[in-house]
Amino acid sequence: MKSRSVTVINPLGIHARPSAMIVRKAASFQSQFWIEKNGSKVNARNILNIMTLAASKGTVMTLITEGPDEEQALAALAELFDTGFGEI
């Protein structure tokens, strides 16, 4: 299991478009993927789960992966956050 903290940097936070990007990216790996915010941990392969976290700009979250390609999955998913989902 691998994990990494990320900060939401895009101005609108994690709305429908970034949530969909997370789900698509997570689905491209074999590993399981979760996002945790303030003790709430959700499966990142479900767009509604991600949106219920209500993550606005500046929110710190933890990405968690577990499986055969967990390191690659974590790096790819963290990159979405690091680049602001292409919105900045």
N, C-alpha and C. Protein backbone atom coordinates (compact mmCIF):
# COMPACT_ATOMS: atom_id res chain seq x y z
N MET A 1 0.84 -1.18 0.00
CA MET A 1 0.00 0.00 0.00
C MET A 1 0.89 1.24 0.00
N LYS A 2 0.54 2.18 -0.86
CA LYS A 2 1.26 3.45 -0.97
C LYS A 2 0.27 4.59 -0.74
N SER A 3 0.77 5.70 -0.19
CA SER A 3 -0.08 6.87 0.00
C SER A 3 0.72 8.14 -0.19
N ARG A 4 0.00 9.21 -0.48
CA ARG A 4 0.63 10.51 -0.67
C ARG A 4 -0.39 11.60 -0.41
N SER A 5 0.03 12.65 0.27
CA SER A 5 -0.84 13.80 0.49
C SER A 5 -0.77 14.72 -0.73
N VAL A 6 -1.91 15.26 -1.08
CA VAL A 6 -2.00 16.22 -2.18
C VAL A 6 -2.88 17.38 -1.73
N THR A 7 -2.70 18.50 -2.39
CA THR A 7 -3.52 19.68 -2.11
C THR A 7 -4.28 20.06 -3.36
N VAL A 8 -5.55 20.35 -3.21
CA VAL A 8 -6.37 20.79 -4.34
C VAL A 8 -5.96 22.22 -4.67
N ILE A 9 -5.44 22.42 -5.90
CA ILE A 9 -4.96 23.76 -6.25
C ILE A 9 -5.80 24.44 -7.33
N ASN A 10 -6.69 23.70 -7.97
CA ASN A 10 -7.50 24.34 -9.00
C ASN A 10 -8.59 25.20 -8.34
N PRO A 11 -8.91 26.34 -8.94
CA PRO A 11 -9.79 27.32 -8.31
C PRO A 11 -11.18 26.81 -7.92
N LEU A 12 -11.75 25.90 -8.70
CA LEU A 12 -13.11 25.43 -8.41
C LEU A 12 -13.16 24.17 -7.56
N GLY A 13 -12.01 23.66 -7.16
CA GLY A 13 -11.99 22.45 -6.34
C GLY A 13 -12.33 21.21 -7.15
N ILE A 14 -12.70 20.17 -6.44
CA ILE A 14 -13.01 18.89 -7.10
C ILE A 14 -14.50 18.85 -7.42
N HIS A 15 -14.84 19.32 -8.61
CA HIS A 15 -16.22 19.30 -9.10
C HIS A 15 -16.35 18.13 -10.07
N ALA A 16 -17.37 18.12 -10.90
CA ALA A 16 -17.67 16.97 -11.76
C ALA A 16 -16.53 16.62 -12.73
N ARG A 17 -15.95 17.61 -13.38
CA ARG A 17 -14.91 17.33 -14.38
C ARG A 17 -13.66 16.70 -13.75
N PRO A 18 -13.09 17.30 -12.69
CA PRO A 18 -11.94 16.64 -12.05
C PRO A 18 -12.28 15.27 -11.48
N SER A 19 -13.49 15.14 -10.95
CA SER A 19 -13.91 13.83 -10.43
C SER A 19 -13.91 12.78 -11.53
N ALA A 20 -14.42 13.15 -12.69
CA ALA A 20 -14.44 12.22 -13.82
C ALA A 20 -13.02 11.88 -14.26
N MET A 21 -12.12 12.85 -14.24
CA MET A 21 -10.73 12.60 -14.60
C MET A 21 -10.08 11.61 -13.63
N ILE A 22 -10.38 11.75 -12.35
CA ILE A 22 -9.84 10.84 -11.35
C ILE A 22 -10.35 9.42 -11.60
N VAL A 23 -11.64 9.28 -11.83
CA VAL A 23 -12.23 7.96 -12.07
C VAL A 23 -11.63 7.31 -13.30
N ARG A 24 -11.49 8.07 -14.39
CA ARG A 24 -10.90 7.50 -15.62
C ARG A 24 -9.45 7.06 -15.39
N LYS A 25 -8.69 7.89 -14.70
CA LYS A 25 -7.29 7.55 -14.44
C LYS A 25 -7.20 6.33 -13.53
N ALA A 26 -8.00 6.29 -12.48
CA ALA A 26 -7.99 5.14 -11.55
C ALA A 26 -8.38 3.85 -12.27
N ALA A 27 -9.31 3.94 -13.19
CA ALA A 27 -9.77 2.75 -13.93
C ALA A 27 -8.70 2.21 -14.87
N SER A 28 -7.69 3.00 -15.18
CA SER A 28 -6.67 2.55 -16.12
C SER A 28 -5.58 1.71 -15.44
N PHE A 29 -5.71 1.51 -14.13
CA PHE A 29 -4.73 0.72 -13.37
C PHE A 29 -5.43 -0.46 -12.71
N GLN A 30 -4.65 -1.48 -12.40
CA GLN A 30 -5.19 -2.66 -11.71
C GLN A 30 -5.37 -2.41 -10.22
N SER A 31 -4.57 -1.56 -9.65
CA SER A 31 -4.60 -1.31 -8.20
C SER A 31 -5.91 -0.67 -7.77
N GLN A 32 -6.23 -0.89 -6.51
CA GLN A 32 -7.36 -0.23 -5.88
C GLN A 32 -6.91 1.18 -5.53
N PHE A 33 -7.86 2.11 -5.47
CA PHE A 33 -7.52 3.50 -5.23
C PHE A 33 -8.57 4.17 -4.37
N TRP A 34 -8.13 4.83 -3.31
CA TRP A 34 -9.01 5.55 -2.41
C TRP A 34 -8.51 6.97 -2.23
N ILE A 35 -9.44 7.85 -1.85
CA ILE A 35 -9.10 9.22 -1.47
C ILE A 35 -9.64 9.44 -0.07
N GLU A 36 -8.81 10.03 0.78
CA GLU A 36 -9.21 10.28 2.16
C GLU A 36 -9.14 11.77 2.45
N LYS A 37 -10.18 12.27 3.11
CA LYS A 37 -10.23 13.68 3.52
C LYS A 37 -10.86 13.74 4.90
N ASN A 38 -10.12 14.27 5.85
CA ASN A 38 -10.63 14.44 7.22
C ASN A 38 -11.25 13.16 7.78
N GLY A 39 -10.61 12.03 7.54
CA GLY A 39 -11.09 10.76 8.09
C GLY A 39 -12.11 10.04 7.23
N SER A 40 -12.63 10.68 6.20
CA SER A 40 -13.57 10.03 5.29
C SER A 40 -12.79 9.44 4.13
N LYS A 41 -12.91 8.14 3.92
CA LYS A 41 -12.17 7.44 2.88
C LYS A 41 -13.17 6.88 1.87
N VAL A 42 -12.98 7.26 0.58
CA VAL A 42 -13.91 6.81 -0.46
C VAL A 42 -13.17 6.11 -1.59
N ASN A 43 -13.88 5.23 -2.25
CA ASN A 43 -13.36 4.54 -3.42
C ASN A 43 -13.31 5.53 -4.58
N ALA A 44 -12.14 5.69 -5.17
CA ALA A 44 -11.96 6.68 -6.22
C ALA A 44 -12.35 6.17 -7.61
N ARG A 45 -13.00 5.03 -7.68
CA ARG A 45 -13.52 4.55 -8.96
C ARG A 45 -15.00 4.90 -9.12
N ASN A 46 -15.51 5.72 -8.20
CA ASN A 46 -16.91 6.11 -8.23
C ASN A 46 -17.00 7.64 -8.14
N ILE A 47 -17.52 8.24 -9.19
CA ILE A 47 -17.55 9.71 -9.27
C ILE A 47 -18.36 10.33 -8.14
N LEU A 48 -19.48 9.71 -7.77
CA LEU A 48 -20.30 10.28 -6.70
C LEU A 48 -19.58 10.25 -5.36
N ASN A 49 -18.83 9.18 -5.11
CA ASN A 49 -18.04 9.10 -3.88
C ASN A 49 -17.07 10.27 -3.79
N ILE A 50 -16.39 10.55 -4.88
CA ILE A 50 -15.40 11.64 -4.90
C ILE A 50 -16.08 12.98 -4.67
N MET A 51 -17.19 13.20 -5.33
CA MET A 51 -17.87 14.49 -5.22
C MET A 51 -18.43 14.72 -3.81
N THR A 52 -18.75 13.64 -3.08
CA THR A 52 -19.28 13.82 -1.72
C THR A 52 -18.22 14.35 -0.76
N LEU A 53 -16.95 14.28 -1.13
CA LEU A 53 -15.90 14.82 -0.28
C LEU A 53 -15.92 16.35 -0.24
N ALA A 54 -16.56 16.96 -1.22
CA ALA A 54 -16.69 18.43 -1.28
C ALA A 54 -15.35 19.11 -1.05
N ALA A 55 -14.38 18.78 -1.86
CA ALA A 55 -13.02 19.31 -1.71
C ALA A 55 -12.86 20.62 -2.48
N SER A 56 -12.73 21.71 -1.75
CA SER A 56 -12.53 23.02 -2.37
C SER A 56 -11.03 23.30 -2.49
N LYS A 57 -10.72 24.41 -3.14
CA LYS A 57 -9.31 24.81 -3.29
C LYS A 57 -8.66 24.91 -1.91
N GLY A 58 -7.46 24.35 -1.81
CA GLY A 58 -6.72 24.38 -0.56
C GLY A 58 -6.92 23.15 0.31
N THR A 59 -7.86 22.29 -0.05
CA THR A 59 -8.11 21.08 0.72
C THR A 59 -6.94 20.10 0.58
N VAL A 60 -6.50 19.56 1.70
CA VAL A 60 -5.45 18.54 1.69
C VAL A 60 -6.12 17.18 1.78
N MET A 61 -5.74 16.29 0.87
CA MET A 61 -6.32 14.95 0.81
C MET A 61 -5.19 13.93 0.75
N THR A 62 -5.51 12.69 1.05
CA THR A 62 -4.54 11.62 0.94
C THR A 62 -4.99 10.64 -0.13
N LEU A 63 -4.11 10.38 -1.08
CA LEU A 63 -4.36 9.38 -2.11
C LEU A 63 -3.75 8.07 -1.63
N ILE A 64 -4.49 6.98 -1.76
CA ILE A 64 -4.04 5.67 -1.30
C ILE A 64 -4.24 4.66 -2.43
N THR A 65 -3.18 3.91 -2.75
CA THR A 65 -3.28 2.86 -3.76
C THR A 65 -2.77 1.56 -3.18
N GLU A 66 -3.33 0.46 -3.68
CA GLU A 66 -2.87 -0.86 -3.26
C GLU A 66 -3.07 -1.83 -4.40
N GLY A 67 -1.99 -2.48 -4.79
CA GLY A 67 -2.07 -3.46 -5.86
C GLY A 67 -0.78 -3.58 -6.62
N PRO A 68 -0.81 -4.33 -7.72
CA PRO A 68 0.42 -4.64 -8.45
C PRO A 68 1.10 -3.43 -9.10
N ASP A 69 0.34 -2.40 -9.42
CA ASP A 69 0.92 -1.21 -10.06
C ASP A 69 0.68 0.04 -9.20
N GLU A 70 0.69 -0.15 -7.88
CA GLU A 70 0.33 0.93 -6.96
C GLU A 70 1.22 2.16 -7.07
N GLU A 71 2.51 1.97 -7.29
CA GLU A 71 3.41 3.13 -7.39
C GLU A 71 3.10 3.96 -8.63
N GLN A 72 2.90 3.30 -9.75
CA GLN A 72 2.58 4.01 -10.99
C GLN A 72 1.21 4.68 -10.89
N ALA A 73 0.25 3.98 -10.28
CA ALA A 73 -1.09 4.54 -10.12
C ALA A 73 -1.05 5.78 -9.24
N LEU A 74 -0.32 5.71 -8.14
CA LEU A 74 -0.23 6.85 -7.24
C LEU A 74 0.42 8.04 -7.92
N ALA A 75 1.47 7.81 -8.66
CA ALA A 75 2.15 8.90 -9.37
C ALA A 75 1.23 9.54 -10.41
N ALA A 76 0.50 8.73 -11.15
CA ALA A 76 -0.39 9.25 -12.20
C ALA A 76 -1.54 10.04 -11.60
N LEU A 77 -2.09 9.56 -10.51
CA LEU A 77 -3.21 10.24 -9.89
C LEU A 77 -2.76 11.52 -9.19
N ALA A 78 -1.61 11.48 -8.56
CA ALA A 78 -1.08 12.68 -7.91
C ALA A 78 -0.79 13.76 -8.95
N GLU A 79 -0.37 13.36 -10.13
CA GLU A 79 -0.08 14.34 -11.19
C GLU A 79 -1.33 15.14 -11.56
N LEU A 80 -2.50 14.51 -11.53
CA LEU A 80 -3.74 15.26 -11.80
C LEU A 80 -3.90 16.41 -10.81
N PHE A 81 -3.66 16.13 -9.55
CA PHE A 81 -3.77 17.17 -8.52
C PHE A 81 -2.67 18.21 -8.68
N ASP A 82 -1.45 17.74 -8.94
CA ASP A 82 -0.30 18.66 -9.06
C ASP A 82 -0.44 19.63 -10.22
N THR A 83 -1.16 19.24 -11.26
CA THR A 83 -1.35 20.09 -12.42
C THR A 83 -2.69 20.84 -12.40
N GLY A 84 -3.42 20.72 -11.29
CA GLY A 84 -4.68 21.45 -11.17
C GLY A 84 -5.74 20.97 -12.14
N PHE A 85 -5.65 19.71 -12.55
CA PHE A 85 -6.61 19.13 -13.48
C PHE A 85 -6.74 19.92 -14.77
N GLY A 86 -5.66 20.58 -15.14
CA GLY A 86 -5.64 21.37 -16.38
C GLY A 86 -6.46 22.65 -16.30
N GLU A 87 -6.81 23.07 -15.09
CA GLU A 87 -7.66 24.26 -14.93
C GLU A 87 -6.89 25.50 -14.50
N ILE A 88 -5.58 25.37 -14.29
CA ILE A 88 -4.84 26.57 -13.88
C ILE A 88 -3.79 26.90 -14.91
